Amino acid sequence: IPMEGMKLSSNMVSSIRTTESHNVIGYVEGSEAPEEFVLIMGHWDHMGIDTSIEGDQIYNGAVDNATGTAAVMHMAEIFSKRSPKRSVAFIGLTAEESGLLGSAYLAEYPPFEYGNVIGGLNLDAFPAIGKAKDITIVGYGASELEAVLDKHASAEGKYLVPERGYFYRSDHINFAKKGIPMIYADPGVDLVNGGIEKGLELGSQYTTNDYHKPSDEVRDDWDWEGIEQDMGIFANFIDDLANSGEYPNWYVSSEFRAIRDESQNN
C-alpha cells in the first residue's frame, strides 16, 4: 500500500517516579599497585512487591540476582584474607532491573581511573542446577579476558561456550562503554548429569516459570555443586588478574578497543 500522504498521530501517557537507591562498593587495597583495580560485580536489586497480584506478591529474586550478589560477597570474603598486588573492588549495583541505572551512574562517577582498571567480571544469575562441563560467556569473542578465564576453567576440566544475545543487557556494558575490559559469565548448560539437553531443559523451566516472578525463591532441591565449582574458577581468575601484572585488552575488532587505548594513553 502506498504510504505517500499518510499521517500518523499518537499520544503517549507516562508517569515519572523518583526514588533513591545506592550502589555498594568495598575493596581490598593492593600491596604493590593499589591504584590499579580488578572489579567483580553483581546487581542486588530486583522487582520489589506487586500488590496487584494474588498470593505471593514478593519478588525475591533468589536466582536473579541474589546468587550474583552472594558470589560477590563470597569473593570479598576470600580476598579479605589475601594480599593481592592490585586492588580488588567488590561492587553491588542497584537499579539493574530498571534499565542498568546503577551501573550507568557508577560508570559516570567512578572511584577509580578508567585506565587503571585491569578488567572486570559481571555475575548476573546462577541457577543451581548442578555441575556443568562448560561456562557460558555472554558476548564471547570480545576481549583477552576470555583467555585468562579459559586457563582456569580448563584446569577444572571445563570449556567456555559463547552466547552473544545478551551482551548489552547487563551491568557490565556501561563499564565496557568506558573502555574497561569486561567479561560476563553465566553457568554452563552441558551438565555432568544429563548433558546439554538436560541443561537447556532446566534453563527453559527457570525462564518460563520463575524468571521475574515471585516464584524465584531458594528451594530445597537446588544443587549447589556447579556454583561452588564456578566460584573457585572465578576466584582464581580474579586472583590471576590481581597478581599477574598483565594488561588484557579488548580484541582489535571490538568497538571498545579504541576507547580503551585512549584511556590508557591519557
Protein backbone atom coordinates (compact mmCIF):
# COMPACT_ATOMS: atom_id res chain seq x y z
CA ILE A 1 0.00 0.00 0.00
CA PRO A 2 1.49 3.40 -0.94
CA MET A 3 2.41 5.44 2.16
CA GLU A 4 2.67 8.83 0.49
CA GLY A 5 0.38 11.42 2.03
CA MET A 6 -0.45 9.32 5.08
CA LYS A 7 -0.09 10.76 8.58
CA LEU A 8 0.08 9.15 11.98
CA SER A 9 -0.66 10.80 15.28
CA SER A 10 -0.40 9.24 18.72
CA ASN A 11 -0.41 10.08 22.40
CA MET A 12 1.81 8.50 24.99
CA VAL A 13 0.95 8.70 28.66
CA SER A 14 3.85 8.19 31.06
CA SER A 15 4.43 8.64 34.74
CA ILE A 16 7.68 9.53 36.48
CA ARG A 17 8.52 8.07 39.85
CA THR A 18 11.57 9.30 41.73
CA THR A 19 13.30 7.09 44.27
CA GLU A 20 16.68 6.95 45.94
CA SER A 21 18.91 3.90 45.99
CA HIS A 22 22.60 3.12 46.28
CA ASN A 23 25.48 1.17 44.86
CA VAL A 24 27.71 -0.60 47.37
CA ILE A 25 31.49 -0.83 46.88
CA GLY A 26 34.14 -2.41 49.05
CA TYR A 27 37.72 -3.14 48.17
CA VAL A 28 40.91 -4.84 49.25
CA GLU A 29 43.83 -2.49 48.71
CA GLY A 30 46.64 -3.79 46.54
CA SER A 31 50.01 -4.33 48.19
CA GLU A 32 52.10 -3.17 45.22
CA ALA A 33 49.79 -1.33 42.80
CA PRO A 34 46.89 -0.02 44.91
CA GLU A 35 45.87 2.45 42.19
CA GLU A 36 45.11 -0.42 39.80
CA PHE A 37 41.80 -2.24 40.21
CA VAL A 38 40.16 -5.51 39.30
CA LEU A 39 36.36 -5.41 39.51
CA ILE A 40 33.80 -8.08 40.36
CA MET A 41 30.16 -7.07 40.34
CA GLY A 42 26.56 -8.18 40.55
CA HIS A 43 23.28 -6.30 40.95
CA TRP A 44 21.47 -6.54 44.27
CA ASP A 45 18.07 -5.11 43.24
CA HIS A 46 15.03 -6.97 41.97
CA MET A 47 11.39 -6.25 41.17
CA GLY A 48 10.09 -5.37 44.64
CA ILE A 49 6.47 -6.05 45.60
CA ASP A 50 3.42 -6.20 43.34
CA THR A 51 0.20 -5.72 45.34
CA SER A 52 -1.93 -6.19 42.22
CA ILE A 53 -1.40 -9.95 42.13
CA GLU A 54 -2.97 -12.56 44.38
CA GLY A 55 -0.96 -14.79 46.69
CA ASP A 56 2.77 -14.27 46.97
CA GLN A 57 3.48 -10.67 45.99
CA ILE A 58 7.20 -10.52 46.83
CA TYR A 59 9.76 -10.78 44.06
CA ASN A 60 12.59 -12.41 45.98
CA GLY A 61 14.96 -12.70 43.04
CA ALA A 62 16.76 -15.68 44.52
CA VAL A 63 18.49 -16.61 41.27
CA ASP A 64 18.30 -13.18 39.63
CA ASN A 65 20.34 -11.86 41.24
CA ALA A 66 20.77 -12.95 44.86
CA THR A 67 23.13 -15.63 43.54
CA GLY A 68 25.30 -12.99 41.89
CA THR A 69 25.22 -10.77 44.95
CA ALA A 70 26.17 -13.70 47.18
CA ALA A 71 29.00 -14.55 44.80
CA VAL A 72 30.42 -11.03 45.06
CA MET A 73 30.24 -11.20 48.86
CA HIS A 74 31.90 -14.62 48.78
CA MET A 75 34.76 -13.18 46.71
CA ALA A 76 35.08 -10.31 49.15
CA GLU A 77 35.45 -12.78 52.00
CA ILE A 78 38.10 -14.74 50.09
CA PHE A 79 40.22 -11.73 49.15
CA SER A 80 39.91 -10.10 52.56
CA LYS A 81 42.25 -12.89 53.69
CA ARG A 82 44.74 -12.38 50.85
CA SER A 83 47.18 -9.63 49.85
CA PRO A 84 46.71 -9.12 46.10
CA LYS A 85 49.22 -6.89 44.34
CA ARG A 86 46.45 -4.90 42.70
CA SER A 87 43.32 -3.65 44.45
CA VAL A 88 40.18 -5.74 44.06
CA ALA A 89 36.81 -3.98 44.20
CA PHE A 90 33.56 -5.77 45.08
CA ILE A 91 30.52 -3.97 43.69
CA GLY A 92 26.82 -4.39 44.42
CA LEU A 93 24.85 -2.45 41.82
CA THR A 94 21.35 -1.10 42.12
CA ALA A 95 18.58 -0.48 39.57
CA GLU A 96 19.73 -3.05 37.04
CA GLU A 97 16.13 -4.13 36.63
CA SER A 98 15.15 -0.52 35.96
CA GLY A 99 17.45 -0.17 32.96
CA LEU A 100 21.01 -0.64 34.26
CA LEU A 101 20.75 2.70 36.06
CA GLY A 102 23.04 1.89 38.98
CA SER A 103 25.92 0.80 36.78
CA ALA A 104 25.34 3.75 34.45
CA TYR A 105 25.72 6.13 37.40
CA LEU A 106 28.82 4.40 38.74
CA ALA A 107 30.44 4.37 35.30
CA GLU A 108 29.91 8.14 35.09
CA TYR A 109 31.17 8.81 38.64
CA PRO A 110 33.77 6.09 39.30
CA PRO A 111 36.04 5.97 42.34
CA PHE A 112 38.92 4.92 40.06
CA GLU A 113 40.57 5.98 36.82
CA TYR A 114 39.30 4.04 33.81
CA GLY A 115 42.81 3.44 32.51
CA ASN A 116 43.81 1.90 35.85
CA VAL A 117 41.08 -0.75 35.84
CA ILE A 118 42.62 -4.01 34.65
CA GLY A 119 39.27 -5.64 33.92
CA GLY A 120 36.05 -6.81 35.48
CA LEU A 121 33.76 -9.81 35.92
CA ASN A 122 29.98 -9.46 35.96
CA LEU A 123 27.80 -12.17 37.52
CA ASP A 124 24.08 -11.99 36.79
CA ALA A 125 22.05 -15.05 37.87
CA PHE A 126 23.28 -18.57 38.57
CA PRO A 127 20.59 -21.27 38.62
CA ALA A 128 21.65 -24.07 40.98
CA ILE A 129 21.29 -26.92 38.51
CA GLY A 130 24.43 -28.90 39.30
CA LYS A 131 27.88 -29.30 37.80
CA ALA A 132 28.39 -28.47 34.16
CA LYS A 133 31.25 -29.11 31.77
CA ASP A 134 31.12 -25.55 30.46
CA ILE A 135 30.84 -21.89 31.43
CA THR A 136 28.72 -19.59 29.27
CA ILE A 137 30.42 -16.37 28.17
CA VAL A 138 27.92 -13.75 27.06
CA GLY A 139 29.39 -11.76 24.20
CA TYR A 140 32.17 -14.27 23.60
CA GLY A 141 34.92 -13.04 21.29
CA ALA A 142 35.23 -9.60 22.88
CA SER A 143 38.41 -9.42 24.96
CA GLU A 144 41.62 -11.07 26.11
CA LEU A 145 39.98 -11.72 29.47
CA GLU A 146 38.50 -14.82 27.87
CA ALA A 147 41.92 -16.45 27.57
CA VAL A 148 42.60 -15.82 31.26
CA LEU A 149 39.28 -17.32 32.33
CA ASP A 150 39.68 -20.22 29.89
CA LYS A 151 43.00 -21.12 31.53
CA HIS A 152 41.37 -21.51 34.93
CA ALA A 153 38.24 -23.20 33.56
CA SER A 154 40.40 -25.71 31.67
CA ALA A 155 42.26 -26.53 34.88
CA GLU A 156 38.90 -27.76 36.20
CA GLY A 157 38.12 -29.67 33.01
CA LYS A 158 35.63 -27.07 31.78
CA TYR A 159 35.33 -25.20 28.50
CA LEU A 160 33.91 -21.81 27.56
CA VAL A 161 30.84 -21.65 25.33
CA PRO A 162 29.67 -18.48 23.52
CA GLU A 163 26.36 -16.71 23.98
CA ARG A 164 26.03 -13.48 22.01
CA GLY A 165 22.44 -12.42 22.51
CA TYR A 166 22.56 -10.70 25.89
CA PHE A 167 25.85 -8.75 25.91
CA TYR A 168 24.10 -5.38 26.03
CA ARG A 169 21.55 -6.40 28.68
CA SER A 170 23.54 -6.45 31.91
CA ASP A 171 25.56 -4.03 34.01
CA HIS A 172 28.99 -4.72 32.54
CA ILE A 173 28.05 -2.89 29.34
CA ASN A 174 28.21 0.53 31.00
CA PHE A 175 31.81 -0.12 32.03
CA ALA A 176 32.64 -1.54 28.62
CA LYS A 177 31.47 1.72 27.06
CA LYS A 178 34.19 3.44 29.08
CA GLY A 179 36.77 1.08 27.63
CA ILE A 180 37.16 -1.20 30.66
CA PRO A 181 37.58 -4.84 29.57
CA MET A 182 34.65 -6.78 30.99
CA ILE A 183 33.57 -10.40 30.90
CA TYR A 184 30.03 -11.57 31.65
CA ALA A 185 29.90 -15.20 32.77
CA ASP A 186 26.83 -17.38 33.17
CA PRO A 187 26.60 -21.01 34.32
CA GLY A 188 27.04 -23.72 31.75
CA VAL A 189 24.34 -25.92 30.26
CA ASP A 190 26.34 -29.03 29.38
CA LEU A 191 25.53 -30.79 32.64
CA VAL A 192 27.67 -33.60 34.01
CA ASN A 193 24.42 -35.41 34.77
CA GLY A 194 22.14 -35.05 31.77
CA GLY A 195 24.24 -33.19 29.22
CA ILE A 196 23.19 -30.21 27.12
CA GLU A 197 19.63 -31.45 26.66
CA LYS A 198 19.03 -31.51 30.42
CA GLY A 199 20.78 -28.19 30.94
CA LEU A 200 18.68 -26.45 28.29
CA GLU A 201 15.53 -28.03 29.74
CA LEU A 202 16.25 -26.74 33.25
CA GLY A 203 17.22 -23.32 31.91
CA SER A 204 13.98 -23.12 29.96
CA GLN A 205 11.98 -24.15 33.02
CA TYR A 206 13.51 -21.32 35.04
CA THR A 207 12.90 -18.75 32.30
CA THR A 208 9.30 -19.86 31.81
CA ASN A 209 8.25 -20.49 35.40
CA ASP A 210 10.37 -18.30 37.67
CA TYR A 211 12.24 -15.53 35.83
CA HIS A 212 10.97 -12.16 37.10
CA LYS A 213 8.24 -13.88 39.08
CA PRO A 214 7.60 -14.21 42.84
CA SER A 215 8.41 -17.91 42.47
CA ASP A 216 12.12 -17.13 42.03
CA GLU A 217 12.91 -18.44 45.51
CA VAL A 218 15.51 -20.69 47.13
CA ARG A 219 14.38 -24.31 47.04
CA ASP A 220 15.40 -27.47 48.82
CA ASP A 221 16.16 -29.27 45.55
CA TRP A 222 18.83 -26.78 44.44
CA ASP A 223 22.12 -28.46 43.52
CA TRP A 224 24.92 -26.11 44.61
CA GLU A 225 27.90 -28.12 43.34
CA GLY A 226 28.11 -26.33 40.00
CA ILE A 227 28.01 -22.88 41.58
CA GLU A 228 30.66 -23.95 44.08
CA GLN A 229 32.98 -25.10 41.30
CA ASP A 230 32.42 -21.94 39.27
CA MET A 231 33.15 -19.74 42.27
CA GLY A 232 36.52 -21.44 42.64
CA ILE A 233 37.28 -20.76 38.98
CA PHE A 234 36.23 -17.13 39.27
CA ALA A 235 38.33 -16.65 42.40
CA ASN A 236 41.38 -17.97 40.55
CA PHE A 237 40.55 -15.72 37.59
CA ILE A 238 40.34 -12.61 39.79
CA ASP A 239 43.49 -13.65 41.64
CA ASP A 240 45.33 -14.01 38.34
CA LEU A 241 44.32 -10.52 37.18
CA ALA A 242 45.21 -9.05 40.57
CA ASN A 243 48.71 -10.53 40.65
CA SER A 244 49.93 -11.24 37.11
CA GLY A 245 51.00 -7.75 36.06
CA GLU A 246 49.30 -8.27 32.68
CA TYR A 247 47.07 -5.68 30.98
CA PRO A 248 44.42 -7.55 28.97
CA ASN A 249 42.66 -5.53 26.31
CA TRP A 250 39.66 -5.79 24.04
CA TYR A 251 40.34 -7.58 20.78
CA VAL A 252 41.22 -5.29 17.89
CA SER A 253 37.83 -5.98 16.30
CA SER A 254 35.94 -4.77 19.37
CA GLU A 255 34.06 -1.49 19.30
CA PHE A 256 35.54 -0.71 22.73
CA ARG A 257 39.22 -1.17 21.81
CA ALA A 258 39.83 2.43 20.70
CA ILE A 259 38.24 3.79 23.90
CA ARG A 260 40.47 1.55 25.99
CA ASP A 261 43.63 2.52 24.14
CA GLU A 262 42.83 6.21 24.55
CA SER A 263 42.14 5.86 28.29
CA GLN A 264 45.50 4.19 28.84
CA ASN A 265 47.38 6.80 26.83
CA ASN A 266 46.00 9.69 28.88
